[in-house]
Amino acid sequence: QNAPSLSQAQRIKKLSQEGKCTYDAIFDIMGEEKKAEMDRVTIKNEVLRKYFPKSYTPKQMQDTIIKLLEQWQKKRQRSQER
């Protein structure tokens, strides 16, 4: 199920008020990638939990992930410089 963003809902409402609301128009609007979806990566808690001790808080998990990503990035940069 896909809910429209505020912008999409406003455009659909405007089409409806103008009598131009068709299946194709709604399909096109709803098929657009939303900005929030482009800027966000979501990983479910149950996917991540298996990699961390049960005592870890979400903040500790995030800090560890960021630290590991930074190490990975540095390693990749060093290998590209060779």
C-alpha atoms as a PDB file:
ATOM      1  CA  GLN A   1       0.000   0.000   0.000  1.00  0.00           C
ATOM      2  CA  ASN A   2       1.231   3.426  -0.903  1.00  0.00           C
ATOM      3  CA  ALA A   3      -0.052   6.605   0.715  1.00  0.00           C
ATOM      4  CA  PRO A   4       0.337   9.887  -1.154  1.00  0.00           C
ATOM      5  CA  SER A   5       2.654  12.574   0.125  1.00  0.00           C
ATOM      6  CA  LEU A   6       1.114  15.941   0.928  1.00  0.00           C
ATOM      7  CA  SER A   7       2.225  17.293  -2.444  1.00  0.00           C
ATOM      8  CA  GLN A   8       0.759  14.312  -4.293  1.00  0.00           C
ATOM      9  CA  ALA A   9      -2.534  14.570  -2.383  1.00  0.00           C
ATOM     10  CA  GLN A  10      -2.789  18.270  -3.200  1.00  0.00           C
ATOM     11  CA  ARG A  11      -2.205  17.629  -6.912  1.00  0.00           C
ATOM     12  CA  ILE A  12      -4.794  14.833  -6.966  1.00  0.00           C
ATOM     13  CA  LYS A  13      -7.289  17.104  -5.199  1.00  0.00           C
ATOM     14  CA  LYS A  14      -6.637  19.874  -7.732  1.00  0.00           C
ATOM     15  CA  LEU A  15      -7.169  17.450 -10.637  1.00  0.00           C
ATOM     16  CA  SER A  16     -10.410  16.313  -9.034  1.00  0.00           C
ATOM     17  CA  GLN A  17     -11.641  19.883  -8.610  1.00  0.00           C
ATOM     18  CA  GLU A  18     -10.822  20.582 -12.256  1.00  0.00           C
ATOM     19  CA  GLY A  19     -12.645  17.435 -13.368  1.00  0.00           C
ATOM     20  CA  LYS A  20      -9.410  15.986 -14.752  1.00  0.00           C
ATOM     21  CA  CYS A  21      -8.927  13.207 -12.222  1.00  0.00           C
ATOM     22  CA  THR A  22      -8.374  10.021 -14.211  1.00  0.00           C
ATOM     23  CA  TYR A  23      -6.925   6.641 -13.336  1.00  0.00           C
ATOM     24  CA  ASP A  24      -3.871   7.372 -15.492  1.00  0.00           C
ATOM     25  CA  ALA A  25      -3.279  10.763 -13.862  1.00  0.00           C
ATOM     26  CA  ILE A  26      -3.463   9.269 -10.365  1.00  0.00           C
ATOM     27  CA  PHE A  27      -1.294   6.327 -11.415  1.00  0.00           C
ATOM     28  CA  ASP A  28       1.367   8.731 -12.744  1.00  0.00           C
ATOM     29  CA  ILE A  29       1.311  10.869  -9.599  1.00  0.00           C
ATOM     30  CA  MET A  30       1.425   7.891  -7.242  1.00  0.00           C
ATOM     31  CA  GLY A  31       4.207   6.284  -9.274  1.00  0.00           C
ATOM     32  CA  GLU A  32       6.561   9.160  -8.559  1.00  0.00           C
ATOM     33  CA  GLU A  33       9.350   8.503  -6.112  1.00  0.00           C
ATOM     34  CA  LYS A  34       8.791  10.547  -2.997  1.00  0.00           C
ATOM     35  CA  LYS A  35      11.624  12.743  -1.736  1.00  0.00           C
ATOM     36  CA  ALA A  36      11.513  11.134   1.697  1.00  0.00           C
ATOM     37  CA  GLU A  37      11.947   7.705   0.112  1.00  0.00           C
ATOM     38  CA  MET A  38      14.991   8.870  -1.841  1.00  0.00           C
ATOM     39  CA  ASP A  39      16.679  10.310   1.266  1.00  0.00           C
ATOM     40  CA  ARG A  40      16.078   7.449   3.661  1.00  0.00           C
ATOM     41  CA  VAL A  41      17.452   3.985   4.163  1.00  0.00           C
ATOM     42  CA  THR A  42      15.519   1.798   6.568  1.00  0.00           C
ATOM     43  CA  ILE A  43      16.783  -1.452   8.001  1.00  0.00           C
ATOM     44  CA  LYS A  44      14.397  -3.383  10.191  1.00  0.00           C
ATOM     45  CA  ASN A  45      15.420  -3.902  13.797  1.00  0.00           C
ATOM     46  CA  GLU A  46      15.134  -7.692  13.547  1.00  0.00           C
ATOM     47  CA  VAL A  47      17.613  -7.663  10.647  1.00  0.00           C
ATOM     48  CA  LEU A  48      20.190  -5.704  12.656  1.00  0.00           C
ATOM     49  CA  ARG A  49      19.640  -7.355  16.043  1.00  0.00           C
ATOM     50  CA  LYS A  50      21.375 -10.586  15.056  1.00  0.00           C
ATOM     51  CA  TYR A  51      24.665  -8.665  14.668  1.00  0.00           C
ATOM     52  CA  PHE A  52      24.656  -6.982  18.087  1.00  0.00           C
ATOM     53  CA  PRO A  53      24.614  -8.076  21.721  1.00  0.00           C
ATOM     54  CA  LYS A  54      21.126  -8.085  23.236  1.00  0.00           C
ATOM     55  CA  SER A  55      22.217  -5.383  25.676  1.00  0.00           C
ATOM     56  CA  TYR A  56      22.926  -2.839  22.902  1.00  0.00           C
ATOM     57  CA  THR A  57      20.604   0.139  22.640  1.00  0.00           C
ATOM     58  CA  PRO A  58      19.531   1.502  19.244  1.00  0.00           C
ATOM     59  CA  LYS A  59      21.975   4.397  19.788  1.00  0.00           C
ATOM     60  CA  GLN A  60      24.852   1.986  20.419  1.00  0.00           C
ATOM     61  CA  MET A  61      23.896   0.050  17.308  1.00  0.00           C
ATOM     62  CA  GLN A  62      23.844   3.241  15.236  1.00  0.00           C
ATOM     63  CA  ASP A  63      27.198   4.402  16.606  1.00  0.00           C
ATOM     64  CA  THR A  64      28.765   1.024  15.827  1.00  0.00           C
ATOM     65  CA  ILE A  65      27.353   0.986  12.294  1.00  0.00           C
ATOM     66  CA  ILE A  66      28.647   4.513  11.610  1.00  0.00           C
ATOM     67  CA  LYS A  67      32.081   3.619  13.009  1.00  0.00           C
ATOM     68  CA  LEU A  68      32.271   0.508  10.822  1.00  0.00           C
ATOM     69  CA  LEU A  69      31.159   2.438   7.739  1.00  0.00           C
ATOM     70  CA  GLU A  70      33.823   5.076   8.367  1.00  0.00           C
ATOM     71  CA  GLN A  71      36.483   2.358   8.668  1.00  0.00           C
ATOM     72  CA  TRP A  72      35.223   0.733   5.471  1.00  0.00           C
ATOM     73  CA  GLN A  73      35.305   4.051   3.624  1.00  0.00           C
ATOM     74  CA  LYS A  74      38.894   4.741   4.741  1.00  0.00           C
ATOM     75  CA  LYS A  75      39.943   1.258   3.642  1.00  0.00           C
ATOM     76  CA  ARG A  76      38.323   1.775   0.221  1.00  0.00           C
ATOM     77  CA  GLN A  77      40.018   5.161  -0.190  1.00  0.00           C
ATOM     78  CA  ARG A  78      43.421   3.659   0.635  1.00  0.00           C
ATOM     79  CA  SER A  79      42.940   0.848  -1.868  1.00  0.00           C
ATOM     80  CA  GLN A  80      41.875   3.331  -4.582  1.00  0.00           C
ATOM     81  CA  GLU A  81      45.010   5.431  -4.006  1.00  0.00           C
ATOM     82  CA  ARG A  82      47.256   2.496  -4.893  1.00  0.00           C
END
